[in-house]
Amino acid sequence: MKKTFPLHLPDKEDSRVVEAIKLTLTKYVKRERRKKLPEGVDFWDFSCKVGAESATSAVFLLPDVSKAVDSVVLAGRAEVYVEIEACPGYRVKKNSQSFYPRKES
């Protein structure tokens, strides 16, 4: 999803518009997570960018996207650009060695 959302609508309160944007983003992520995983993929990962426009957007982790939208709103911008792309995620196996060295007897 690559979309620019207006933050000010004529018939709606600005705080309601921001909450509607966040709800739309949450619905999109849920819908993407329901899609069938390709062979060999462990989970869906998401690459996210948020900013006032596409050229100045910054990379964020998925849990921080709503905070980033709030920061754009507090900056007084007229619109917010959000890019969320689903990509395959792979789990990393931990080493079988313990983190603490064992004492030799």
PDB file of N, CA and C in Angstrom:
ATOM      1  N   MET A   1       0.844  -1.163   0.000  1.00  0.00           N
ATOM      2  CA  MET A   1       0.000   0.000   0.000  1.00  0.00           C
ATOM      3  C   MET A   1       0.895   1.234   0.000  1.00  0.00           C
ATOM      4  N   LYS A   2       0.706   2.058  -0.990  1.00  0.00           N
ATOM      5  CA  LYS A   2       1.387   3.346  -1.071  1.00  0.00           C
ATOM      6  C   LYS A   2       0.290   4.378  -1.249  1.00  0.00           C
ATOM      7  N   LYS A   3       0.082   5.190  -0.218  1.00  0.00           N
ATOM      8  CA  LYS A   3      -1.054   6.092  -0.277  1.00  0.00           C
ATOM      9  C   LYS A   3      -0.761   7.381   0.476  1.00  0.00           C
ATOM     10  N   THR A   4      -1.313   8.469  -0.029  1.00  0.00           N
ATOM     11  CA  THR A   4      -1.255   9.763   0.637  1.00  0.00           C
ATOM     12  C   THR A   4      -2.647  10.067   1.173  1.00  0.00           C
ATOM     13  N   PHE A   5      -2.727  10.241   2.490  1.00  0.00           N
ATOM     14  CA  PHE A   5      -4.005  10.511   3.151  1.00  0.00           C
ATOM     15  C   PHE A   5      -4.109  11.998   3.482  1.00  0.00           C
ATOM     16  N   PRO A   6      -5.227  12.649   3.156  1.00  0.00           N
ATOM     17  CA  PRO A   6      -5.433  14.035   3.601  1.00  0.00           C
ATOM     18  C   PRO A   6      -5.758  14.047   5.095  1.00  0.00           C
ATOM     19  N   LEU A   7      -5.223  15.014   5.806  1.00  0.00           N
ATOM     20  CA  LEU A   7      -5.445  15.107   7.255  1.00  0.00           C
ATOM     21  C   LEU A   7      -6.588  16.040   7.618  1.00  0.00           C
ATOM     22  N   HIS A   8      -7.079  16.823   6.660  1.00  0.00           N
ATOM     23  CA  HIS A   8      -8.158  17.770   6.933  1.00  0.00           C
ATOM     24  C   HIS A   8      -9.285  17.545   5.921  1.00  0.00           C
ATOM     25  N   LEU A   9     -10.445  17.142   6.416  1.00  0.00           N
ATOM     26  CA  LEU A   9     -11.621  16.992   5.570  1.00  0.00           C
ATOM     27  C   LEU A   9     -12.665  18.013   6.014  1.00  0.00           C
ATOM     28  N   PRO A  10     -13.447  18.552   5.089  1.00  0.00           N
ATOM     29  CA  PRO A  10     -14.359  19.642   5.436  1.00  0.00           C
ATOM     30  C   PRO A  10     -15.441  19.291   6.448  1.00  0.00           C
ATOM     31  N   ASP A  11     -15.990  18.086   6.406  1.00  0.00           N
ATOM     32  CA  ASP A  11     -17.112  17.748   7.277  1.00  0.00           C
ATOM     33  C   ASP A  11     -16.721  16.944   8.504  1.00  0.00           C
ATOM     34  N   LYS A  12     -15.430  16.699   8.700  1.00  0.00           N
ATOM     35  CA  LYS A  12     -15.010  15.841   9.800  1.00  0.00           C
ATOM     36  C   LYS A  12     -13.984  16.553  10.681  1.00  0.00           C
ATOM     37  N   GLU A  13     -13.997  16.159  11.937  1.00  0.00           N
ATOM     38  CA  GLU A  13     -13.021  16.674  12.894  1.00  0.00           C
ATOM     39  C   GLU A  13     -11.664  16.024  12.599  1.00  0.00           C
ATOM     40  N   ASP A  14     -10.592  16.785  12.764  1.00  0.00           N
ATOM     41  CA  ASP A  14      -9.261  16.299  12.400  1.00  0.00           C
ATOM     42  C   ASP A  14      -8.846  15.060  13.183  1.00  0.00           C
ATOM     43  N   SER A  15      -9.196  14.989  14.453  1.00  0.00           N
ATOM     44  CA  SER A  15      -8.815  13.823  15.246  1.00  0.00           C
ATOM     45  C   SER A  15      -9.512  12.553  14.744  1.00  0.00           C
ATOM     46  N   ARG A  16     -10.748  12.704  14.268  1.00  0.00           N
ATOM     47  CA  ARG A  16     -11.479  11.558  13.713  1.00  0.00           C
ATOM     48  C   ARG A  16     -10.851  11.091  12.399  1.00  0.00           C
ATOM     49  N   VAL A  17     -10.355  12.026  11.623  1.00  0.00           N
ATOM     50  CA  VAL A  17      -9.702  11.684  10.358  1.00  0.00           C
ATOM     51  C   VAL A  17      -8.433  10.882  10.629  1.00  0.00           C
ATOM     52  N   VAL A  18      -7.664  11.294  11.618  1.00  0.00           N
ATOM     53  CA  VAL A  18      -6.429  10.594  11.966  1.00  0.00           C
ATOM     54  C   VAL A  18      -6.740   9.184  12.466  1.00  0.00           C
ATOM     55  N   GLU A  19      -7.749   9.039  13.288  1.00  0.00           N
ATOM     56  CA  GLU A  19      -8.132   7.714  13.778  1.00  0.00           C
ATOM     57  C   GLU A  19      -8.613   6.816  12.632  1.00  0.00           C
ATOM     58  N   ALA A  20      -9.312   7.395  11.657  1.00  0.00           N
ATOM     59  CA  ALA A  20      -9.763   6.621  10.503  1.00  0.00           C
ATOM     60  C   ALA A  20      -8.570   6.151   9.665  1.00  0.00           C
ATOM     61  N   ILE A  21      -7.540   6.976   9.547  1.00  0.00           N
ATOM     62  CA  ILE A  21      -6.324   6.582   8.826  1.00  0.00           C
ATOM     63  C   ILE A  21      -5.656   5.409   9.529  1.00  0.00           C
ATOM     64  N   LYS A  22      -5.528   5.491  10.843  1.00  0.00           N
ATOM     65  CA  LYS A  22      -4.894   4.410  11.606  1.00  0.00           C
ATOM     66  C   LYS A  22      -5.706   3.116  11.491  1.00  0.00           C
ATOM     67  N   LEU A  23      -7.025   3.220  11.505  1.00  0.00           N
ATOM     68  CA  LEU A  23      -7.879   2.053  11.359  1.00  0.00           C
ATOM     69  C   LEU A  23      -7.699   1.418   9.977  1.00  0.00           C
ATOM     70  N   THR A  24      -7.594   2.240   8.955  1.00  0.00           N
ATOM     71  CA  THR A  24      -7.369   1.741   7.601  1.00  0.00           C
ATOM     72  C   THR A  24      -6.048   0.992   7.509  1.00  0.00           C
ATOM     73  N   LEU A  25      -5.007   1.518   8.141  1.00  0.00           N
ATOM     74  CA  LEU A  25      -3.702   0.856   8.135  1.00  0.00           C
ATOM     75  C   LEU A  25      -3.757  -0.475   8.874  1.00  0.00           C
ATOM     76  N   THR A  26      -4.453  -0.508   9.996  1.00  0.00           N
ATOM     77  CA  THR A  26      -4.587  -1.745  10.767  1.00  0.00           C
ATOM     78  C   THR A  26      -5.337  -2.803   9.965  1.00  0.00           C
ATOM     79  N   LYS A  27      -6.413  -2.405   9.298  1.00  0.00           N
ATOM     80  CA  LYS A  27      -7.170  -3.344   8.475  1.00  0.00           C
ATOM     81  C   LYS A  27      -6.321  -3.899   7.335  1.00  0.00           C
ATOM     82  N   TYR A  28      -5.507  -3.045   6.731  1.00  0.00           N
ATOM     83  CA  TYR A  28      -4.642  -3.486   5.641  1.00  0.00           C
ATOM     84  C   TYR A  28      -3.643  -4.534   6.123  1.00  0.00           C
ATOM     85  N   VAL A  29      -3.018  -4.295   7.269  1.00  0.00           N
ATOM     86  CA  VAL A  29      -2.030  -5.234   7.803  1.00  0.00           C
ATOM     87  C   VAL A  29      -2.699  -6.565   8.135  1.00  0.00           C
ATOM     88  N   LYS A  30      -3.870  -6.530   8.739  1.00  0.00           N
ATOM     89  CA  LYS A  30      -4.589  -7.763   9.055  1.00  0.00           C
ATOM     90  C   LYS A  30      -4.936  -8.539   7.785  1.00  0.00           C
ATOM     91  N   ARG A  31      -5.363  -7.828   6.754  1.00  0.00           N
ATOM     92  CA  ARG A  31      -5.712  -8.470   5.499  1.00  0.00           C
ATOM     93  C   ARG A  31      -4.479  -9.111   4.847  1.00  0.00           C
ATOM     94  N   GLU A  32      -3.345  -8.449   4.899  1.00  0.00           N
ATOM     95  CA  GLU A  32      -2.117  -9.003   4.330  1.00  0.00           C
ATOM     96  C   GLU A  32      -1.630 -10.219   5.113  1.00  0.00           C
ATOM     97  N   ARG A  33      -1.788 -10.209   6.422  1.00  0.00           N
ATOM     98  CA  ARG A  33      -1.348 -11.335   7.243  1.00  0.00           C
ATOM     99  C   ARG A  33      -2.191 -12.582   7.012  1.00  0.00           C
ATOM    100  N   ARG A  34      -3.430 -12.408   6.536  1.00  0.00           N
ATOM    101  CA  ARG A  34      -4.297 -13.554   6.262  1.00  0.00           C
ATOM    102  C   ARG A  34      -3.940 -14.261   4.960  1.00  0.00           C
ATOM    103  N   LYS A  35      -3.165 -13.634   4.108  1.00  0.00           N
ATOM    104  CA  LYS A  35      -2.810 -14.248   2.832  1.00  0.00           C
ATOM    105  C   LYS A  35      -1.941 -15.471   3.052  1.00  0.00           C
ATOM    106  N   LYS A  36      -2.044 -16.406   2.130  1.00  0.00           N
ATOM    107  CA  LYS A  36      -1.294 -17.653   2.227  1.00  0.00           C
ATOM    108  C   LYS A  36       0.197 -17.380   2.058  1.00  0.00           C
ATOM    109  N   LEU A  37       0.996 -18.023   2.921  1.00  0.00           N
ATOM    110  CA  LEU A  37       2.447 -17.850   2.859  1.00  0.00           C
ATOM    111  C   LEU A  37       3.029 -18.668   1.711  1.00  0.00           C
ATOM    112  N   PRO A  38       4.014 -18.126   0.999  1.00  0.00           N
ATOM    113  CA  PRO A  38       4.695 -18.912  -0.029  1.00  0.00           C
ATOM    114  C   PRO A  38       5.500 -20.053   0.605  1.00  0.00           C
ATOM    115  N   GLU A  39       5.891 -21.001  -0.193  1.00  0.00           N
ATOM    116  CA  GLU A  39       6.658 -22.154   0.278  1.00  0.00           C
ATOM    117  C   GLU A  39       7.985 -21.696   0.887  1.00  0.00           C
ATOM    118  N   GLY A  40       8.274 -22.157   2.109  1.00  0.00           N
ATOM    119  CA  GLY A  40       9.540 -21.850   2.771  1.00  0.00           C
ATOM    120  C   GLY A  40       9.557 -20.553   3.562  1.00  0.00           C
ATOM    121  N   VAL A  41       8.465 -19.811   3.565  1.00  0.00           N
ATOM    122  CA  VAL A  41       8.389 -18.538   4.292  1.00  0.00           C
ATOM    123  C   VAL A  41       7.754 -18.793   5.647  1.00  0.00           C
ATOM    124  N   ASP A  42       8.311 -18.191   6.715  1.00  0.00           N
ATOM    125  CA  ASP A  42       7.819 -18.417   8.067  1.00  0.00           C
ATOM    126  C   ASP A  42       6.691 -17.463   8.469  1.00  0.00           C
ATOM    127  N   PHE A  43       6.761 -16.213   8.043  1.00  0.00           N
ATOM    128  CA  PHE A  43       5.751 -15.228   8.422  1.00  0.00           C
ATOM    129  C   PHE A  43       5.819 -14.050   7.458  1.00  0.00           C
ATOM    130  N   TRP A  44       4.800 -13.181   7.515  1.00  0.00           N
ATOM    131  CA  TRP A  44       4.818 -11.954   6.728  1.00  0.00           C
ATOM    132  C   TRP A  44       5.517 -10.866   7.529  1.00  0.00           C
ATOM    133  N   ASP A  45       6.488 -10.232   6.936  1.00  0.00           N
ATOM    134  CA  ASP A  45       7.177  -9.094   7.533  1.00  0.00           C
ATOM    135  C   ASP A  45       6.721  -7.853   6.759  1.00  0.00           C
ATOM    136  N   PHE A  46       6.853  -6.685   7.349  1.00  0.00           N
ATOM    137  CA  PHE A  46       6.382  -5.469   6.697  1.00  0.00           C
ATOM    138  C   PHE A  46       7.477  -4.408   6.700  1.00  0.00           C
ATOM    139  N   SER A  47       7.680  -3.805   5.536  1.00  0.00           N
ATOM    140  CA  SER A  47       8.580  -2.658   5.445  1.00  0.00           C
ATOM    141  C   SER A  47       7.700  -1.418   5.362  1.00  0.00           C
ATOM    142  N   CYS A  48       7.961  -0.445   6.221  1.00  0.00           N
ATOM    143  CA  CYS A  48       7.071   0.705   6.363  1.00  0.00           C
ATOM    144  C   CYS A  48       7.841   2.011   6.210  1.00  0.00           C
ATOM    145  N   LYS A  49       7.205   2.961   5.547  1.00  0.00           N
ATOM    146  CA  LYS A  49       7.732   4.317   5.429  1.00  0.00           C
ATOM    147  C   LYS A  49       6.586   5.278   5.716  1.00  0.00           C
ATOM    148  N   VAL A  50       6.883   6.334   6.460  1.00  0.00           N
ATOM    149  CA  VAL A  50       5.876   7.348   6.782  1.00  0.00           C
ATOM    150  C   VAL A  50       6.536   8.712   6.685  1.00  0.00           C
ATOM    151  N   GLY A  51       5.802   9.681   6.141  1.00  0.00           N
ATOM    152  CA  GLY A  51       6.315  11.036   6.058  1.00  0.00           C
ATOM    153  C   GLY A  51       5.257  11.979   5.526  1.00  0.00           C
ATOM    154  N   ALA A  52       5.637  13.236   5.388  1.00  0.00           N
ATOM    155  CA  ALA A  52       4.720  14.235   4.863  1.00  0.00           C
ATOM    156  C   ALA A  52       4.515  14.045   3.361  1.00  0.00           C
ATOM    157  N   GLU A  53       5.532  13.522   2.679  1.00  0.00           N
ATOM    158  CA  GLU A  53       5.429  13.206   1.256  1.00  0.00           C
ATOM    159  C   GLU A  53       6.363  12.041   0.951  1.00  0.00           C
ATOM    160  N   SER A  54       6.241  11.478  -0.231  1.00  0.00           N
ATOM    161  CA  SER A  54       7.003  10.260  -0.535  1.00  0.00           C
ATOM    162  C   SER A  54       8.511  10.503  -0.562  1.00  0.00           C
ATOM    163  N   ALA A  55       8.946  11.670  -0.969  1.00  0.00           N
ATOM    164  CA  ALA A  55      10.378  11.950  -1.053  1.00  0.00           C
ATOM    165  C   ALA A  55      11.030  12.089   0.321  1.00  0.00           C
ATOM    166  N   THR A  56      10.266  12.539   1.301  1.00  0.00           N
ATOM    167  CA  THR A  56      10.836  12.772   2.633  1.00  0.00           C
ATOM    168  C   THR A  56      10.405  11.728   3.656  1.00  0.00           C
ATOM    169  N   SER A  57       9.856  10.602   3.194  1.00  0.00           N
ATOM    170  CA  SER A  57       9.388   9.592   4.148  1.00  0.00           C
ATOM    171  C   SER A  57      10.570   8.857   4.766  1.00  0.00           C
ATOM    172  N   ALA A  58      10.388   8.442   6.016  1.00  0.00           N
ATOM    173  CA  ALA A  58      11.422   7.735   6.763  1.00  0.00           C
ATOM    174  C   ALA A  58      10.961   6.308   7.042  1.00  0.00           C
ATOM    175  N   VAL A  59      11.921   5.421   7.245  1.00  0.00           N
ATOM    176  CA  VAL A  59      11.627   4.009   7.499  1.00  0.00           C
ATOM    177  C   VAL A  59      11.286   3.817   8.979  1.00  0.00           C
ATOM    178  N   PHE A  60      10.207   3.050   9.239  1.00  0.00           N
ATOM    179  CA  PHE A  60       9.775   2.758  10.598  1.00  0.00           C
ATOM    180  C   PHE A  60       9.440   1.283  10.717  1.00  0.00           C
ATOM    181  N   LEU A  61       9.493   0.768  11.934  1.00  0.00           N
ATOM    182  CA  LEU A  61       8.991  -0.566  12.213  1.00  0.00           C
ATOM    183  C   LEU A  61       7.471  -0.505  12.272  1.00  0.00           C
ATOM    184  N   LEU A  62       6.816  -1.619  12.041  1.00  0.00           N
ATOM    185  CA  LEU A  62       5.349  -1.643  12.001  1.00  0.00           C
ATOM    186  C   LEU A  62       4.695  -1.122  13.283  1.00  0.00           C
ATOM    187  N   PRO A  63       5.176  -1.483  14.486  1.00  0.00           N
ATOM    188  CA  PRO A  63       4.517  -0.946  15.688  1.00  0.00           C
ATOM    189  C   PRO A  63       4.661   0.565  15.855  1.00  0.00           C
ATOM    190  N   ASP A  64       5.610   1.182  15.169  1.00  0.00           N
ATOM    191  CA  ASP A  64       5.853   2.616  15.317  1.00  0.00           C
ATOM    192  C   ASP A  64       5.164   3.470  14.261  1.00  0.00           C
ATOM    193  N   VAL A  65       4.400   2.851  13.370  1.00  0.00           N
ATOM    194  CA  VAL A  65       3.772   3.598  12.278  1.00  0.00           C
ATOM    195  C   VAL A  65       2.745   4.597  12.807  1.00  0.00           C
ATOM    196  N   SER A  66       1.925   4.203  13.769  1.00  0.00           N
ATOM    197  CA  SER A  66       0.909   5.136  14.279  1.00  0.00           C
ATOM    198  C   SER A  66       1.556   6.330  14.984  1.00  0.00           C
ATOM    199  N   LYS A  67       2.669   6.099  15.674  1.00  0.00           N
ATOM    200  CA  LYS A  67       3.385   7.213  16.306  1.00  0.00           C
ATOM    201  C   LYS A  67       3.966   8.147  15.249  1.00  0.00           C
ATOM    202  N   ALA A  68       4.421   7.573  14.140  1.00  0.00           N
ATOM    203  CA  ALA A  68       4.966   8.388  13.061  1.00  0.00           C
ATOM    204  C   ALA A  68       3.871   9.229  12.403  1.00  0.00           C
ATOM    205  N   VAL A  69       2.681   8.658  12.260  1.00  0.00           N
ATOM    206  CA  VAL A  69       1.550   9.423  11.717  1.00  0.00           C
ATOM    207  C   VAL A  69       1.220  10.572  12.666  1.00  0.00           C
ATOM    208  N   ASP A  70       1.227  10.308  13.968  1.00  0.00           N
ATOM    209  CA  ASP A  70       0.973  11.365  14.952  1.00  0.00           C
ATOM    210  C   ASP A  70       2.013  12.478  14.869  1.00  0.00           C
ATOM    211  N   SER A  71       3.270  12.122  14.625  1.00  0.00           N
ATOM    212  CA  SER A  71       4.305  13.148  14.536  1.00  0.00           C
ATOM    213  C   SER A  71       4.119  14.027  13.302  1.00  0.00           C
ATOM    214  N   VAL A  72       3.628  13.444  12.200  1.00  0.00           N
ATOM    215  CA  VAL A  72       3.336  14.245  11.006  1.00  0.00           C
ATOM    216  C   VAL A  72       2.167  15.183  11.284  1.00  0.00           C
ATOM    217  N   VAL A  73       1.167  14.699  12.014  1.00  0.00           N
ATOM    218  CA  VAL A  73       0.012  15.535  12.365  1.00  0.00           C
ATOM    219  C   VAL A  73       0.456  16.695  13.252  1.00  0.00           C
ATOM    220  N   LEU A  74       1.307  16.406  14.240  1.00  0.00           N
ATOM    221  CA  LEU A  74       1.789  17.466  15.135  1.00  0.00           C
ATOM    222  C   LEU A  74       2.661  18.484  14.411  1.00  0.00           C
ATOM    223  N   ALA A  75       3.278  18.092  13.312  1.00  0.00           N
ATOM    224  CA  ALA A  75       4.087  19.027  12.532  1.00  0.00           C
ATOM    225  C   ALA A  75       3.219  20.001  11.740  1.00  0.00           C
ATOM    226  N   GLY A  76       1.912  19.735  11.679  1.00  0.00           N
ATOM    227  CA  GLY A  76       0.992  20.655  11.026  1.00  0.00           C
ATOM    228  C   GLY A  76       0.896  20.469   9.524  1.00  0.00           C
ATOM    229  N   ARG A  77       1.211  19.307   9.020  1.00  0.00           N
ATOM    230  CA  ARG A  77       1.141  19.038   7.581  1.00  0.00           C
ATOM    231  C   ARG A  77      -0.306  18.836   7.137  1.00  0.00           C
ATOM    232  N   ALA A  78      -0.552  18.999   5.848  1.00  0.00           N
ATOM    233  CA  ALA A  78      -1.907  18.847   5.305  1.00  0.00           C
ATOM    234  C   ALA A  78      -2.219  17.410   4.939  1.00  0.00           C
ATOM    235  N   GLU A  79      -1.176  16.592   4.693  1.00  0.00           N
ATOM    236  CA  GLU A  79      -1.385  15.199   4.340  1.00  0.00           C
ATOM    237  C   GLU A  79      -0.216  14.352   4.819  1.00  0.00           C
ATOM    238  N   VAL A  80      -0.462  13.038   4.882  1.00  0.00           N
ATOM    239  CA  VAL A  80       0.559  12.105   5.342  1.00  0.00           C
ATOM    240  C   VAL A  80       0.698  10.995   4.301  1.00  0.00           C
ATOM    241  N   TYR A  81       1.950  10.647   3.987  1.00  0.00           N
ATOM    242  CA  TYR A  81       2.250   9.571   3.044  1.00  0.00           C
ATOM    243  C   TYR A  81       2.618   8.336   3.845  1.00  0.00           C
ATOM    244  N   VAL A  82       1.958   7.206   3.535  1.00  0.00           N
ATOM    245  CA  VAL A  82       2.232   5.944   4.230  1.00  0.00           C
ATOM    246  C   VAL A  82       2.483   4.870   3.178  1.00  0.00           C
ATOM    247  N   GLU A  83       3.568   4.141   3.380  1.00  0.00           N
ATOM    248  CA  GLU A  83       3.902   3.019   2.497  1.00  0.00           C
ATOM    249  C   GLU A  83       4.131   1.792   3.367  1.00  0.00           C
ATOM    250  N   ILE A  84       3.313   0.770   3.182  1.00  0.00           N
ATOM    251  CA  ILE A  84       3.456  -0.489   3.914  1.00  0.00           C
ATOM    252  C   ILE A  84       3.465  -1.610   2.880  1.00  0.00           C
ATOM    253  N   GLU A  85       4.567  -2.336   2.822  1.00  0.00           N
ATOM    254  CA  GLU A  85       4.708  -3.425   1.861  1.00  0.00           C
ATOM    255  C   GLU A  85       4.971  -4.726   2.611  1.00  0.00           C
ATOM    256  N   ALA A  86       4.220  -5.762   2.282  1.00  0.00           N
ATOM    257  CA  ALA A  86       4.426  -7.079   2.879  1.00  0.00           C
ATOM    258  C   ALA A  86       5.578  -7.766   2.160  1.00  0.00           C
ATOM    259  N   CYS A  87       6.459  -8.376   2.926  1.00  0.00           N
ATOM    260  CA  CYS A  87       7.582  -9.114   2.361  1.00  0.00           C
ATOM    261  C   CYS A  87       7.778 -10.387   3.180  1.00  0.00           C
ATOM    262  N   PRO A  88       8.363 -11.415   2.594  1.00  0.00           N
ATOM    263  CA  PRO A  88       8.525 -12.680   3.324  1.00  0.00           C
ATOM    264  C   PRO A  88       9.501 -12.539   4.483  1.00  0.00           C
ATOM    265  N   GLY A  89       9.160 -13.179   5.599  1.00  0.00           N
ATOM    266  CA  GLY A  89      10.021 -13.156   6.784  1.00  0.00           C
ATOM    267  C   GLY A  89      10.490 -14.559   7.122  1.00  0.00           C
ATOM    268  N   TYR A  90      11.722 -14.647   7.571  1.00  0.00           N
ATOM    269  CA  TYR A  90      12.315 -15.940   7.909  1.00  0.00           C
ATOM    270  C   TYR A  90      12.822 -15.900   9.339  1.00  0.00           C
ATOM    271  N   ARG A  91      12.543 -16.940  10.091  1.00  0.00           N
ATOM    272  CA  ARG A  91      13.014 -17.039  11.456  1.00  0.00           C
ATOM    273  C   ARG A  91      14.495 -17.400  11.456  1.00  0.00           C
ATOM    274  N   VAL A  92      15.221 -16.847  12.408  1.00  0.00           N
ATOM    275  CA  VAL A  92      16.642 -17.133  12.541  1.00  0.00           C
ATOM    276  C   VAL A  92      16.814 -18.115  13.679  1.00  0.00           C
ATOM    277  N   LYS A  93      17.506 -19.210  13.408  1.00  0.00           N
ATOM    278  CA  LYS A  93      17.715 -20.218  14.438  1.00  0.00           C
ATOM    279  C   LYS A  93      18.788 -19.740  15.403  1.00  0.00           C
ATOM    280  N   LYS A  94      18.560 -20.000  16.687  1.00  0.00           N
ATOM    281  CA  LYS A  94      19.540 -19.643  17.700  1.00  0.00           C
ATOM    282  C   LYS A  94      20.621 -20.713  17.748  1.00  0.00           C
ATOM    283  N   ASN A  95      21.803 -20.318  18.177  1.00  0.00           N
ATOM    284  CA  ASN A  95      22.885 -21.289  18.334  1.00  0.00           C
ATOM    285  C   ASN A  95      22.558 -22.235  19.470  1.00  0.00           C
ATOM    286  N   SER A  96      23.012 -23.458  19.354  1.00  0.00           N
ATOM    287  CA  SER A  96      22.755 -24.424  20.413  1.00  0.00           C
ATOM    288  C   SER A  96      23.674 -24.195  21.606  1.00  0.00           C
ATOM    289  N   GLN A  97      24.709 -23.386  21.428  1.00  0.00           N
ATOM    290  CA  GLN A  97      25.618 -23.091  22.527  1.00  0.00           C
ATOM    291  C   GLN A  97      24.949 -22.122  23.493  1.00  0.00           C
ATOM    292  N   SER A  98      25.264 -22.286  24.766  1.00  0.00           N
ATOM    293  CA  SER A  98      24.684 -21.384  25.753  1.00  0.00           C
ATOM    294  C   SER A  98      25.437 -20.056  25.724  1.00  0.00           C
ATOM    295  N   PHE A  99      24.814 -19.039  26.265  1.00  0.00           N
ATOM    296  CA  PHE A  99      25.430 -17.721  26.279  1.00  0.00           C
ATOM    297  C   PHE A  99      26.530 -17.611  27.339  1.00  0.00           C
ATOM    298  N   TYR A 100      26.425 -18.411  28.367  1.00  0.00           N
ATOM    299  CA  TYR A 100      27.403 -18.374  29.446  1.00  0.00           C
ATOM    300  C   TYR A 100      28.318 -19.585  29.345  1.00  0.00           C
ATOM    301  N   PRO A 101      29.624 -19.381  29.373  1.00  0.00           N
ATOM    302  CA  PRO A 101      30.534 -20.547  29.260  1.00  0.00           C
ATOM    303  C   PRO A 101      30.430 -21.413  30.505  1.00  0.00           C
ATOM    304  N   ARG A 102      30.495 -22.703  30.294  1.00  0.00           N
ATOM    305  CA  ARG A 102      30.416 -23.652  31.407  1.00  0.00           C
ATOM    306  C   ARG A 102      31.799 -23.856  32.003  1.00  0.00           C
ATOM    307  N   LYS A 103      31.818 -24.069  33.295  1.00  0.00           N
ATOM    308  CA  LYS A 103      33.090 -24.345  33.971  1.00  0.00           C
ATOM    309  C   LYS A 103      33.463 -25.807  33.752  1.00  0.00           C
ATOM    310  N   GLU A 104      34.695 -26.010  33.414  1.00  0.00           N
ATOM    311  CA  GLU A 104      35.187 -27.365  33.213  1.00  0.00           C
ATOM    312  C   GLU A 104      35.565 -27.948  34.562  1.00  0.00           C
ATOM    313  N   SER A 105      35.196 -29.168  34.833  1.00  0.00           N
ATOM    314  CA  SER A 105      35.504 -29.812  36.116  1.00  0.00           C
ATOM    315  C   SER A 105      36.817 -30.509  36.083  1.00  0.00           C
TER     316      SER A 105
END
